[in-house]
Amino acid sequence: MTTSVVSIVYVNDAPAAARFYGDLLGISPSFETSGYITFDLGPGADLALWSGQFEDLSPDVPRTSEVCLAIEGGRPDEINAIFKQWQSKGVTILQEPHDAGFGLTFLAADPDGNRIRVAPKD
């Protein structure tokens, strides 16, 4: 049996969210419909953006789950470079780079308020 872990992020506008995530990740969607778009993140891992489940999500409503972008190597200079790049793109930063015990990490939010963590890969 072949399996894949798909992390689903609920968004108001899937195409707009796909442009946001595509720009951050530097990749294009692997599957697209008007309300459901996926990105192939590598063997067994996909990120899905779905606007069919919830309507009128507000970025003001606190989100407790996160999508974590685990950076291979994850040296502090790499994490800081991603942080500065995202800042220059106007990405909402929820927590600036800091050492969380497992390495340097920071927390951002997409336009719908969903949390995105950048951290070193274990």
PDB file of N, CA and C in Angstrom:
ATOM      1  N   MET A   1       0.845  -1.184   0.000  1.00  0.00           N
ATOM      2  CA  MET A   1       0.000   0.000   0.000  1.00  0.00           C
ATOM      3  C   MET A   1       0.887   1.243   0.000  1.00  0.00           C
ATOM      4  N   THR A   2       0.620   2.151  -0.908  1.00  0.00           N
ATOM      5  CA  THR A   2       1.332   3.414  -0.966  1.00  0.00           C
ATOM      6  C   THR A   2       0.526   4.454  -0.202  1.00  0.00           C
ATOM      7  N   THR A   3       1.193   5.190   0.669  1.00  0.00           N
ATOM      8  CA  THR A   3       0.502   6.223   1.432  1.00  0.00           C
ATOM      9  C   THR A   3       1.221   7.554   1.283  1.00  0.00           C
ATOM     10  N   SER A   4       0.473   8.598   1.555  1.00  0.00           N
ATOM     11  CA  SER A   4       1.021   9.943   1.546  1.00  0.00           C
ATOM     12  C   SER A   4       0.351  10.711   2.672  1.00  0.00           C
ATOM     13  N   VAL A   5       1.093  11.541   3.339  1.00  0.00           N
ATOM     14  CA  VAL A   5       0.522  12.416   4.355  1.00  0.00           C
ATOM     15  C   VAL A   5       0.197  13.738   3.672  1.00  0.00           C
ATOM     16  N   VAL A   6      -1.073  14.123   3.747  1.00  0.00           N
ATOM     17  CA  VAL A   6      -1.519  15.377   3.154  1.00  0.00           C
ATOM     18  C   VAL A   6      -1.923  16.312   4.285  1.00  0.00           C
ATOM     19  N   SER A   7      -1.230  17.418   4.418  1.00  0.00           N
ATOM     20  CA  SER A   7      -1.598  18.440   5.392  1.00  0.00           C
ATOM     21  C   SER A   7      -2.556  19.398   4.699  1.00  0.00           C
ATOM     22  N   ILE A   8      -3.767  19.519   5.242  1.00  0.00           N
ATOM     23  CA  ILE A   8      -4.788  20.374   4.638  1.00  0.00           C
ATOM     24  C   ILE A   8      -4.848  21.694   5.400  1.00  0.00           C
ATOM     25  N   VAL A   9      -4.763  22.780   4.643  1.00  0.00           N
ATOM     26  CA  VAL A   9      -4.861  24.128   5.201  1.00  0.00           C
ATOM     27  C   VAL A   9      -6.143  24.743   4.637  1.00  0.00           C
ATOM     28  N   TYR A  10      -7.053  25.139   5.522  1.00  0.00           N
ATOM     29  CA  TYR A  10      -8.321  25.732   5.094  1.00  0.00           C
ATOM     30  C   TYR A  10      -8.118  27.214   4.794  1.00  0.00           C
ATOM     31  N   VAL A  11      -8.578  27.623   3.624  1.00  0.00           N
ATOM     32  CA  VAL A  11      -8.381  28.997   3.151  1.00  0.00           C
ATOM     33  C   VAL A  11      -9.681  29.511   2.536  1.00  0.00           C
ATOM     34  N   ASN A  12      -9.801  30.818   2.413  1.00  0.00           N
ATOM     35  CA  ASN A  12     -10.971  31.415   1.768  1.00  0.00           C
ATOM     36  C   ASN A  12     -10.906  31.322   0.253  1.00  0.00           C
ATOM     37  N   ASP A  13      -9.734  31.518  -0.309  1.00  0.00           N
ATOM     38  CA  ASP A  13      -9.553  31.594  -1.754  1.00  0.00           C
ATOM     39  C   ASP A  13      -8.362  30.710  -2.129  1.00  0.00           C
ATOM     40  N   ALA A  14      -8.637  29.494  -2.599  1.00  0.00           N
ATOM     41  CA  ALA A  14      -7.566  28.537  -2.885  1.00  0.00           C
ATOM     42  C   ALA A  14      -6.570  29.058  -3.923  1.00  0.00           C
ATOM     43  N   PRO A  15      -7.015  29.641  -5.050  1.00  0.00           N
ATOM     44  CA  PRO A  15      -6.028  30.148  -6.011  1.00  0.00           C
ATOM     45  C   PRO A  15      -5.128  31.250  -5.425  1.00  0.00           C
ATOM     46  N   ALA A  16      -5.699  32.151  -4.624  1.00  0.00           N
ATOM     47  CA  ALA A  16      -4.884  33.205  -4.004  1.00  0.00           C
ATOM     48  C   ALA A  16      -3.905  32.596  -2.999  1.00  0.00           C
ATOM     49  N   ALA A  17      -4.383  31.631  -2.220  1.00  0.00           N
ATOM     50  CA  ALA A  17      -3.510  30.966  -1.254  1.00  0.00           C
ATOM     51  C   ALA A  17      -2.407  30.199  -1.974  1.00  0.00           C
ATOM     52  N   ALA A  18      -2.729  29.592  -3.118  1.00  0.00           N
ATOM     53  CA  ALA A  18      -1.722  28.855  -3.886  1.00  0.00           C
ATOM     54  C   ALA A  18      -0.632  29.796  -4.402  1.00  0.00           C
ATOM     55  N   ARG A  19      -1.010  31.000  -4.806  1.00  0.00           N
ATOM     56  CA  ARG A  19       0.008  31.968  -5.236  1.00  0.00           C
ATOM     57  C   ARG A  19       0.916  32.319  -4.060  1.00  0.00           C
ATOM     58  N   PHE A  20       0.324  32.526  -2.877  1.00  0.00           N
ATOM     59  CA  PHE A  20       1.090  32.856  -1.672  1.00  0.00           C
ATOM     60  C   PHE A  20       2.065  31.726  -1.334  1.00  0.00           C
ATOM     61  N   TYR A  21       1.559  30.500  -1.212  1.00  0.00           N
ATOM     62  CA  TYR A  21       2.411  29.373  -0.841  1.00  0.00           C
ATOM     63  C   TYR A  21       3.409  29.030  -1.946  1.00  0.00           C
ATOM     64  N   GLY A  22       2.981  29.110  -3.197  1.00  0.00           N
ATOM     65  CA  GLY A  22       3.895  28.841  -4.307  1.00  0.00           C
ATOM     66  C   GLY A  22       5.076  29.789  -4.297  1.00  0.00           C
ATOM     67  N   ASP A  23       4.803  31.063  -3.999  1.00  0.00           N
ATOM     68  CA  ASP A  23       5.867  32.057  -3.923  1.00  0.00           C
ATOM     69  C   ASP A  23       6.805  31.753  -2.756  1.00  0.00           C
ATOM     70  N   LEU A  24       6.247  31.407  -1.591  1.00  0.00           N
ATOM     71  CA  LEU A  24       7.093  31.114  -0.433  1.00  0.00           C
ATOM     72  C   LEU A  24       7.932  29.866  -0.636  1.00  0.00           C
ATOM     73  N   LEU A  25       7.317  28.824  -1.220  1.00  0.00           N
ATOM     74  CA  LEU A  25       8.000  27.548  -1.378  1.00  0.00           C
ATOM     75  C   LEU A  25       8.838  27.469  -2.649  1.00  0.00           C
ATOM     76  N   GLY A  26       8.575  28.367  -3.593  1.00  0.00           N
ATOM     77  CA  GLY A  26       9.302  28.343  -4.849  1.00  0.00           C
ATOM     78  C   GLY A  26       8.933  27.152  -5.730  1.00  0.00           C
ATOM     79  N   ILE A  27       7.673  26.687  -5.604  1.00  0.00           N
ATOM     80  CA  ILE A  27       7.210  25.555  -6.409  1.00  0.00           C
ATOM     81  C   ILE A  27       5.808  25.839  -6.944  1.00  0.00           C
ATOM     82  N   SER A  28       5.425  25.060  -7.948  1.00  0.00           N
ATOM     83  CA  SER A  28       4.089  25.182  -8.542  1.00  0.00           C
ATOM     84  C   SER A  28       3.197  24.067  -8.028  1.00  0.00           C
ATOM     85  N   PRO A  29       1.880  24.288  -8.047  1.00  0.00           N
ATOM     86  CA  PRO A  29       0.957  23.239  -7.619  1.00  0.00           C
ATOM     87  C   PRO A  29       1.110  21.969  -8.457  1.00  0.00           C
ATOM     88  N   SER A  30       0.843  20.836  -7.830  1.00  0.00           N
ATOM     89  CA  SER A  30       0.883  19.551  -8.534  1.00  0.00           C
ATOM     90  C   SER A  30      -0.517  19.118  -8.965  1.00  0.00           C
ATOM     91  N   PHE A  31      -1.553  19.710  -8.353  1.00  0.00           N
ATOM     92  CA  PHE A  31      -2.944  19.395  -8.691  1.00  0.00           C
ATOM     93  C   PHE A  31      -3.775  20.640  -8.397  1.00  0.00           C
ATOM     94  N   GLU A  32      -4.698  20.979  -9.304  1.00  0.00           N
ATOM     95  CA  GLU A  32      -5.498  22.193  -9.115  1.00  0.00           C
ATOM     96  C   GLU A  32      -6.947  21.994  -9.529  1.00  0.00           C
ATOM     97  N   THR A  33      -7.855  22.408  -8.644  1.00  0.00           N
ATOM     98  CA  THR A  33      -9.248  22.651  -8.989  1.00  0.00           C
ATOM     99  C   THR A  33      -9.542  24.053  -8.476  1.00  0.00           C
ATOM    100  N   SER A  34     -10.754  24.536  -8.652  1.00  0.00           N
ATOM    101  CA  SER A  34     -11.052  25.899  -8.200  1.00  0.00           C
ATOM    102  C   SER A  34     -11.012  26.044  -6.684  1.00  0.00           C
ATOM    103  N   GLY A  35     -11.262  24.962  -5.949  1.00  0.00           N
ATOM    104  CA  GLY A  35     -11.300  25.073  -4.491  1.00  0.00           C
ATOM    105  C   GLY A  35     -10.343  24.176  -3.748  1.00  0.00           C
ATOM    106  N   TYR A  36      -9.551  23.376  -4.467  1.00  0.00           N
ATOM    107  CA  TYR A  36      -8.624  22.442  -3.824  1.00  0.00           C
ATOM    108  C   TYR A  36      -7.355  22.370  -4.661  1.00  0.00           C
ATOM    109  N   ILE A  37      -6.230  22.759  -4.055  1.00  0.00           N
ATOM    110  CA  ILE A  37      -4.953  22.818  -4.767  1.00  0.00           C
ATOM    111  C   ILE A  37      -3.896  22.166  -3.890  1.00  0.00           C
ATOM    112  N   THR A  38      -3.073  21.313  -4.511  1.00  0.00           N
ATOM    113  CA  THR A  38      -2.031  20.643  -3.740  1.00  0.00           C
ATOM    114  C   THR A  38      -0.642  20.959  -4.282  1.00  0.00           C
ATOM    115  N   PHE A  39       0.327  20.835  -3.376  1.00  0.00           N
ATOM    116  CA  PHE A  39       1.740  20.962  -3.703  1.00  0.00           C
ATOM    117  C   PHE A  39       2.418  19.659  -3.285  1.00  0.00           C
ATOM    118  N   ASP A  40       3.194  19.067  -4.184  1.00  0.00           N
ATOM    119  CA  ASP A  40       3.973  17.879  -3.880  1.00  0.00           C
ATOM    120  C   ASP A  40       5.238  18.345  -3.182  1.00  0.00           C
ATOM    121  N   LEU A  41       5.387  17.963  -1.921  1.00  0.00           N
ATOM    122  CA  LEU A  41       6.531  18.409  -1.134  1.00  0.00           C
ATOM    123  C   LEU A  41       7.658  17.387  -1.104  1.00  0.00           C
ATOM    124  N   GLY A  42       7.467  16.278  -1.781  1.00  0.00           N
ATOM    125  CA  GLY A  42       8.470  15.221  -1.795  1.00  0.00           C
ATOM    126  C   GLY A  42       7.793  13.890  -1.549  1.00  0.00           C
ATOM    127  N   PRO A  43       8.562  12.821  -1.532  1.00  0.00           N
ATOM    128  CA  PRO A  43       7.965  11.490  -1.360  1.00  0.00           C
ATOM    129  C   PRO A  43       7.093  11.395  -0.110  1.00  0.00           C
ATOM    130  N   GLY A  44       5.822  11.124  -0.319  1.00  0.00           N
ATOM    131  CA  GLY A  44       4.904  10.892   0.793  1.00  0.00           C
ATOM    132  C   GLY A  44       4.389  12.117   1.505  1.00  0.00           C
ATOM    133  N   ALA A  45       4.608  13.317   0.982  1.00  0.00           N
ATOM    134  CA  ALA A  45       4.165  14.532   1.673  1.00  0.00           C
ATOM    135  C   ALA A  45       3.570  15.525   0.684  1.00  0.00           C
ATOM    136  N   ASP A  46       2.366  15.980   0.985  1.00  0.00           N
ATOM    137  CA  ASP A  46       1.691  16.989   0.166  1.00  0.00           C
ATOM    138  C   ASP A  46       1.099  18.065   1.063  1.00  0.00           C
ATOM    139  N   LEU A  47       1.011  19.273   0.531  1.00  0.00           N
ATOM    140  CA  LEU A  47       0.329  20.376   1.184  1.00  0.00           C
ATOM    141  C   LEU A  47      -0.900  20.688   0.338  1.00  0.00           C
ATOM    142  N   ALA A  48      -2.085  20.669   0.970  1.00  0.00           N
ATOM    143  CA  ALA A  48      -3.326  20.952   0.253  1.00  0.00           C
ATOM    144  C   ALA A  48      -3.955  22.234   0.787  1.00  0.00           C
ATOM    145  N   LEU A  49      -4.449  23.051  -0.123  1.00  0.00           N
ATOM    146  CA  LEU A  49      -5.168  24.278   0.216  1.00  0.00           C
ATOM    147  C   LEU A  49      -6.622  24.043  -0.194  1.00  0.00           C
ATOM    148  N   TRP A  50      -7.541  24.156   0.749  1.00  0.00           N
ATOM    149  CA  TRP A  50      -8.939  23.807   0.480  1.00  0.00           C
ATOM    150  C   TRP A  50      -9.857  24.935   0.912  1.00  0.00           C
ATOM    151  N   SER A  51     -10.620  25.455  -0.033  1.00  0.00           N
ATOM    152  CA  SER A  51     -11.579  26.518   0.284  1.00  0.00           C
ATOM    153  C   SER A  51     -13.003  25.994   0.326  1.00  0.00           C
ATOM    154  N   GLY A  52     -13.212  24.696   0.206  1.00  0.00           N
ATOM    155  CA  GLY A  52     -14.565  24.145   0.188  1.00  0.00           C
ATOM    156  C   GLY A  52     -15.131  23.790   1.537  1.00  0.00           C
ATOM    157  N   GLN A  53     -14.321  23.768   2.575  1.00  0.00           N
ATOM    158  CA  GLN A  53     -14.798  23.321   3.883  1.00  0.00           C
ATOM    159  C   GLN A  53     -15.337  24.467   4.743  1.00  0.00           C
ATOM    160  N   PHE A  54     -14.658  25.589   4.728  1.00  0.00           N
ATOM    161  CA  PHE A  54     -15.057  26.719   5.556  1.00  0.00           C
ATOM    162  C   PHE A  54     -15.184  27.959   4.687  1.00  0.00           C
ATOM    163  N   GLU A  55     -16.102  28.823   5.059  1.00  0.00           N
ATOM    164  CA  GLU A  55     -16.241  30.089   4.351  1.00  0.00           C
ATOM    165  C   GLU A  55     -15.956  31.224   5.317  1.00  0.00           C
ATOM    166  N   ASP A  56     -15.438  32.290   4.780  1.00  0.00           N
ATOM    167  CA  ASP A  56     -15.179  33.511   5.549  1.00  0.00           C
ATOM    168  C   ASP A  56     -14.291  33.284   6.766  1.00  0.00           C
ATOM    169  N   LEU A  57     -13.194  32.581   6.557  1.00  0.00           N
ATOM    170  CA  LEU A  57     -12.215  32.452   7.635  1.00  0.00           C
ATOM    171  C   LEU A  57     -11.650  33.833   7.936  1.00  0.00           C
ATOM    172  N   SER A  58     -11.467  34.123   9.186  1.00  0.00           N
ATOM    173  CA  SER A  58     -10.908  35.411   9.564  1.00  0.00           C
ATOM    174  C   SER A  58      -9.497  35.219  10.099  1.00  0.00           C
ATOM    175  N   PRO A  59      -8.533  36.003   9.610  1.00  0.00           N
ATOM    176  CA  PRO A  59      -7.182  35.892  10.149  1.00  0.00           C
ATOM    177  C   PRO A  59      -7.105  36.314  11.611  1.00  0.00           C
ATOM    178  N   ASP A  60      -8.170  36.952  12.124  1.00  0.00           N
ATOM    179  CA  ASP A  60      -8.190  37.386  13.519  1.00  0.00           C
ATOM    180  C   ASP A  60      -8.490  36.239  14.483  1.00  0.00           C
ATOM    181  N   VAL A  61      -9.034  35.128  13.963  1.00  0.00           N
ATOM    182  CA  VAL A  61      -9.346  33.984  14.817  1.00  0.00           C
ATOM    183  C   VAL A  61      -8.053  33.202  15.053  1.00  0.00           C
ATOM    184  N   PRO A  62      -7.668  33.003  16.316  1.00  0.00           N
ATOM    185  CA  PRO A  62      -6.406  32.303  16.582  1.00  0.00           C
ATOM    186  C   PRO A  62      -6.409  30.883  16.019  1.00  0.00           C
ATOM    187  N   ARG A  63      -5.319  30.493  15.385  1.00  0.00           N
ATOM    188  CA  ARG A  63      -5.125  29.141  14.885  1.00  0.00           C
ATOM    189  C   ARG A  63      -4.134  28.447  15.812  1.00  0.00           C
ATOM    190  N   THR A  64      -4.376  27.186  16.120  1.00  0.00           N
ATOM    191  CA  THR A  64      -3.475  26.469  17.026  1.00  0.00           C
ATOM    192  C   THR A  64      -2.633  25.424  16.302  1.00  0.00           C
ATOM    193  N   SER A  65      -2.998  25.072  15.082  1.00  0.00           N
ATOM    194  CA  SER A  65      -2.164  24.130  14.343  1.00  0.00           C
ATOM    195  C   SER A  65      -1.181  24.902  13.473  1.00  0.00           C
ATOM    196  N   GLU A  66      -0.156  24.208  13.033  1.00  0.00           N
ATOM    197  CA  GLU A  66       0.877  24.840  12.218  1.00  0.00           C
ATOM    198  C   GLU A  66       1.275  23.922  11.079  1.00  0.00           C
ATOM    199  N   VAL A  67       1.672  24.523   9.988  1.00  0.00           N
ATOM    200  CA  VAL A  67       2.403  23.819   8.950  1.00  0.00           C
ATOM    201  C   VAL A  67       3.857  24.162   9.225  1.00  0.00           C
ATOM    202  N   CYS A  68       4.705  23.142   9.341  1.00  0.00           N
ATOM    203  CA  CYS A  68       6.117  23.394   9.622  1.00  0.00           C
ATOM    204  C   CYS A  68       6.936  23.083   8.383  1.00  0.00           C
ATOM    205  N   LEU A  69       7.688  24.057   7.931  1.00  0.00           N
ATOM    206  CA  LEU A  69       8.627  23.862   6.841  1.00  0.00           C
ATOM    207  C   LEU A  69       9.977  23.523   7.474  1.00  0.00           C
ATOM    208  N   ALA A  70      10.324  22.254   7.446  1.00  0.00           N
ATOM    209  CA  ALA A  70      11.561  21.772   8.052  1.00  0.00           C
ATOM    210  C   ALA A  70      12.681  21.893   7.026  1.00  0.00           C
ATOM    211  N   ILE A  71      13.645  22.728   7.325  1.00  0.00           N
ATOM    212  CA  ILE A  71      14.730  23.045   6.407  1.00  0.00           C
ATOM    213  C   ILE A  71      15.894  22.071   6.597  1.00  0.00           C
ATOM    214  N   GLU A  72      16.209  21.322   5.519  1.00  0.00           N
ATOM    215  CA  GLU A  72      17.333  20.380   5.548  1.00  0.00           C
ATOM    216  C   GLU A  72      18.607  21.158   5.866  1.00  0.00           C
ATOM    217  N   GLY A  73      19.336  20.693   6.833  1.00  0.00           N
ATOM    218  CA  GLY A  73      20.546  21.409   7.261  1.00  0.00           C
ATOM    219  C   GLY A  73      20.186  22.417   8.338  1.00  0.00           C
ATOM    220  N   GLY A  74      19.236  23.291   8.035  1.00  0.00           N
ATOM    221  CA  GLY A  74      18.656  24.227   8.986  1.00  0.00           C
ATOM    222  C   GLY A  74      19.616  25.029   9.831  1.00  0.00           C
ATOM    223  N   ARG A  75      20.728  25.449   9.227  1.00  0.00           N
ATOM    224  CA  ARG A  75      21.675  26.272   9.980  1.00  0.00           C
ATOM    225  C   ARG A  75      21.019  27.622  10.300  1.00  0.00           C
ATOM    226  N   PRO A  76      21.423  28.252  11.400  1.00  0.00           N
ATOM    227  CA  PRO A  76      20.845  29.542  11.764  1.00  0.00           C
ATOM    228  C   PRO A  76      20.901  30.577  10.639  1.00  0.00           C
ATOM    229  N   ASP A  77      22.007  30.614   9.862  1.00  0.00           N
ATOM    230  CA  ASP A  77      22.084  31.598   8.785  1.00  0.00           C
ATOM    231  C   ASP A  77      21.033  31.312   7.703  1.00  0.00           C
ATOM    232  N   GLU A  78      20.702  30.041   7.477  1.00  0.00           N
ATOM    233  CA  GLU A  78      19.660  29.694   6.505  1.00  0.00           C
ATOM    234  C   GLU A  78      18.277  30.124   7.008  1.00  0.00           C
ATOM    235  N   ILE A  79      18.003  29.847   8.270  1.00  0.00           N
ATOM    236  CA  ILE A  79      16.714  30.225   8.862  1.00  0.00           C
ATOM    237  C   ILE A  79      16.571  31.746   8.840  1.00  0.00           C
ATOM    238  N   ASN A  80      17.628  32.460   9.219  1.00  0.00           N
ATOM    239  CA  ASN A  80      17.589  33.931   9.200  1.00  0.00           C
ATOM    240  C   ASN A  80      17.403  34.474   7.789  1.00  0.00           C
ATOM    241  N   ALA A  81      18.010  33.843   6.796  1.00  0.00           N
ATOM    242  CA  ALA A  81      17.866  34.297   5.406  1.00  0.00           C
ATOM    243  C   ALA A  81      16.419  34.125   4.937  1.00  0.00           C
ATOM    244  N   ILE A  82      15.798  33.002   5.293  1.00  0.00           N
ATOM    245  CA  ILE A  82      14.388  32.793   4.932  1.00  0.00           C
ATOM    246  C   ILE A  82      13.520  33.826   5.632  1.00  0.00           C
ATOM    247  N   PHE A  83      13.788  34.075   6.907  1.00  0.00           N
ATOM    248  CA  PHE A  83      13.046  35.084   7.666  1.00  0.00           C
ATOM    249  C   PHE A  83      13.118  36.447   6.982  1.00  0.00           C
ATOM    250  N   LYS A  84      14.312  36.874   6.612  1.00  0.00           N
ATOM    251  CA  LYS A  84      14.478  38.185   5.966  1.00  0.00           C
ATOM    252  C   LYS A  84      13.786  38.227   4.603  1.00  0.00           C
ATOM    253  N   GLN A  85      13.863  37.125   3.867  1.00  0.00           N
ATOM    254  CA  GLN A  85      13.187  37.054   2.565  1.00  0.00           C
ATOM    255  C   GLN A  85      11.674  37.185   2.748  1.00  0.00           C
ATOM    256  N   TRP A  86      11.124  36.466   3.704  1.00  0.00           N
ATOM    257  CA  TRP A  86       9.673  36.527   3.942  1.00  0.00           C
ATOM    258  C   TRP A  86       9.263  37.906   4.429  1.00  0.00           C
ATOM    259  N   GLN A  87      10.070  38.510   5.294  1.00  0.00           N
ATOM    260  CA  GLN A  87       9.787  39.872   5.754  1.00  0.00           C
ATOM    261  C   GLN A  87       9.729  40.824   4.570  1.00  0.00           C
ATOM    262  N   SER A  88      10.673  40.694   3.656  1.00  0.00           N
ATOM    263  CA  SER A  88      10.709  41.594   2.498  1.00  0.00           C
ATOM    264  C   SER A  88       9.507  41.396   1.582  1.00  0.00           C
ATOM    265  N   LYS A  89       8.878  40.219   1.633  1.00  0.00           N
ATOM    266  CA  LYS A  89       7.679  39.933   0.837  1.00  0.00           C
ATOM    267  C   LYS A  89       6.412  40.417   1.540  1.00  0.00           C
ATOM    268  N   GLY A  90       6.557  40.894   2.769  1.00  0.00           N
ATOM    269  CA  GLY A  90       5.400  41.383   3.513  1.00  0.00           C
ATOM    270  C   GLY A  90       4.620  40.302   4.238  1.00  0.00           C
ATOM    271  N   VAL A  91       5.226  39.128   4.421  1.00  0.00           N
ATOM    272  CA  VAL A  91       4.562  38.039   5.140  1.00  0.00           C
ATOM    273  C   VAL A  91       4.393  38.460   6.600  1.00  0.00           C
ATOM    274  N   THR A  92       3.226  38.169   7.171  1.00  0.00           N
ATOM    275  CA  THR A  92       2.961  38.474   8.571  1.00  0.00           C
ATOM    276  C   THR A  92       3.820  37.583   9.453  1.00  0.00           C
ATOM    277  N   ILE A  93       4.636  38.195  10.299  1.00  0.00           N
ATOM    278  CA  ILE A  93       5.505  37.464  11.215  1.00  0.00           C
ATOM    279  C   ILE A  93       4.853  37.477  12.597  1.00  0.00           C
ATOM    280  N   LEU A  94       4.642  36.284  13.143  1.00  0.00           N
ATOM    281  CA  LEU A  94       4.031  36.158  14.465  1.00  0.00           C
ATOM    282  C   LEU A  94       5.081  36.051  15.572  1.00  0.00           C
ATOM    283  N   GLN A  95       6.243  35.483  15.213  1.00  0.00           N
ATOM    284  CA  GLN A  95       7.314  35.328  16.190  1.00  0.00           C
ATOM    285  C   GLN A  95       8.638  35.361  15.437  1.00  0.00           C
ATOM    286  N   GLU A  96       9.514  36.254  15.829  1.00  0.00           N
ATOM    287  CA  GLU A  96      10.803  36.401  15.157  1.00  0.00           C
ATOM    288  C   GLU A  96      11.713  35.213  15.486  1.00  0.00           C
ATOM    289  N   PRO A  97      12.810  35.055  14.722  1.00  0.00           N
ATOM    290  CA  PRO A  97      13.707  33.930  14.970  1.00  0.00           C
ATOM    291  C   PRO A  97      14.201  33.903  16.417  1.00  0.00           C
ATOM    292  N   HIS A  98      14.174  32.701  16.967  1.00  0.00           N
ATOM    293  CA  HIS A  98      14.636  32.475  18.329  1.00  0.00           C
ATOM    294  C   HIS A  98      15.024  31.001  18.470  1.00  0.00           C
ATOM    295  N   ASP A  99      15.811  30.689  19.481  1.00  0.00           N
ATOM    296  CA  ASP A  99      16.205  29.306  19.733  1.00  0.00           C
ATOM    297  C   ASP A  99      15.124  28.665  20.589  1.00  0.00           C
ATOM    298  N   ALA A 100      14.526  27.596  20.074  1.00  0.00           N
ATOM    299  CA  ALA A 100      13.447  26.917  20.788  1.00  0.00           C
ATOM    300  C   ALA A 100      13.909  25.578  21.361  1.00  0.00           C
ATOM    301  N   GLY A 101      15.206  25.383  21.508  1.00  0.00           N
ATOM    302  CA  GLY A 101      15.721  24.149  22.063  1.00  0.00           C
ATOM    303  C   GLY A 101      16.081  23.125  20.995  1.00  0.00           C
ATOM    304  N   PHE A 102      15.400  23.157  19.869  1.00  0.00           N
ATOM    305  CA  PHE A 102      15.699  22.248  18.756  1.00  0.00           C
ATOM    306  C   PHE A 102      16.394  22.983  17.623  1.00  0.00           C
ATOM    307  N   GLY A 103      16.649  24.271  17.839  1.00  0.00           N
ATOM    308  CA  GLY A 103      17.308  25.093  16.837  1.00  0.00           C
ATOM    309  C   GLY A 103      16.575  26.397  16.631  1.00  0.00           C
ATOM    310  N   LEU A 104      17.095  27.191  15.730  1.00  0.00           N
ATOM    311  CA  LEU A 104      16.504  28.489  15.420  1.00  0.00           C
ATOM    312  C   LEU A 104      15.207  28.279  14.645  1.00  0.00           C
ATOM    313  N   THR A 105      14.165  29.012  15.021  1.00  0.00           N
ATOM    314  CA  THR A 105      12.856  28.879  14.396  1.00  0.00           C
ATOM    315  C   THR A 105      12.146  30.222  14.401  1.00  0.00           C
ATOM    316  N   PHE A 106      11.188  30.387  13.482  1.00  0.00           N
ATOM    317  CA  PHE A 106      10.298  31.546  13.522  1.00  0.00           C
ATOM    318  C   PHE A 106       8.920  31.123  13.063  1.00  0.00           C
ATOM    319  N   LEU A 107       7.942  31.983  13.342  1.00  0.00           N
ATOM    320  CA  LEU A 107       6.550  31.672  13.055  1.00  0.00           C
ATOM    321  C   LEU A 107       5.927  32.801  12.250  1.00  0.00           C
ATOM    322  N   ALA A 108       5.240  32.434  11.174  1.00  0.00           N
ATOM    323  CA  ALA A 108       4.577  33.403  10.298  1.00  0.00           C
ATOM    324  C   ALA A 108       3.113  32.993  10.143  1.00  0.00           C
ATOM    325  N   ALA A 109       2.363  33.802   9.392  1.00  0.00           N
ATOM    326  CA  ALA A 109       0.959  33.484   9.121  1.00  0.00           C
ATOM    327  C   ALA A 109       0.660  33.752   7.660  1.00  0.00           C
ATOM    328  N   ASP A 110      -0.221  32.926   7.100  1.00  0.00           N
ATOM    329  CA  ASP A 110      -0.677  33.181   5.736  1.00  0.00           C
ATOM    330  C   ASP A 110      -1.803  34.215   5.786  1.00  0.00           C
ATOM    331  N   PRO A 111      -2.327  34.669   4.659  1.00  0.00           N
ATOM    332  CA  PRO A 111      -3.368  35.702   4.677  1.00  0.00           C
ATOM    333  C   PRO A 111      -4.657  35.309   5.402  1.00  0.00           C
ATOM    334  N   ASP A 112      -4.899  33.993   5.585  1.00  0.00           N
ATOM    335  CA  ASP A 112      -6.082  33.531   6.317  1.00  0.00           C
ATOM    336  C   ASP A 112      -5.794  33.309   7.795  1.00  0.00           C
ATOM    337  N   GLY A 113      -4.578  33.614   8.239  1.00  0.00           N
ATOM    338  CA  GLY A 113      -4.220  33.473   9.643  1.00  0.00           C
ATOM    339  C   GLY A 113      -3.639  32.119  10.006  1.00  0.00           C
ATOM    340  N   ASN A 114      -3.495  31.211   9.049  1.00  0.00           N
ATOM    341  CA  ASN A 114      -2.899  29.910   9.330  1.00  0.00           C
ATOM    342  C   ASN A 114      -1.423  30.074   9.638  1.00  0.00           C
ATOM    343  N   ARG A 115      -0.959  29.314  10.621  1.00  0.00           N
ATOM    344  CA  ARG A 115       0.409  29.455  11.112  1.00  0.00           C
ATOM    345  C   ARG A 115       1.383  28.622  10.284  1.00  0.00           C
ATOM    346  N   ILE A 116       2.547  29.209   9.997  1.00  0.00           N
ATOM    347  CA  ILE A 116       3.611  28.552   9.240  1.00  0.00           C
ATOM    348  C   ILE A 116       4.903  28.700  10.050  1.00  0.00           C
ATOM    349  N   ARG A 117       5.452  27.582  10.494  1.00  0.00           N
ATOM    350  CA  ARG A 117       6.715  27.611  11.223  1.00  0.00           C
ATOM    351  C   ARG A 117       7.843  27.215  10.287  1.00  0.00           C
ATOM    352  N   VAL A 118       8.974  27.864  10.429  1.00  0.00           N
ATOM    353  CA  VAL A 118      10.192  27.475   9.722  1.00  0.00           C
ATOM    354  C   VAL A 118      11.167  27.043  10.800  1.00  0.00           C
ATOM    355  N   ALA A 119      11.706  25.818  10.633  1.00  0.00           N
ATOM    356  CA  ALA A 119      12.597  25.250  11.639  1.00  0.00           C
ATOM    357  C   ALA A 119      13.581  24.301  10.960  1.00  0.00           C
ATOM    358  N   PRO A 120      14.657  23.949  11.657  1.00  0.00           N
ATOM    359  CA  PRO A 120      15.586  22.976  11.078  1.00  0.00           C
ATOM    360  C   PRO A 120      14.961  21.581  11.069  1.00  0.00           C
ATOM    361  N   LYS A 121      15.316  20.802  10.056  1.00  0.00           N
ATOM    362  CA  LYS A 121      14.836  19.429   9.999  1.00  0.00           C
ATOM    363  C   LYS A 121      15.596  18.596  10.999  1.00  0.00           C
ATOM    364  N   ASP A 122      14.892  17.755  11.720  1.00  0.00           N
ATOM    365  CA  ASP A 122      15.525  16.884  12.719  1.00  0.00           C
ATOM    366  C   ASP A 122      16.560  15.992  12.090  1.00  0.00           C
TER     367      ASP A 122
END
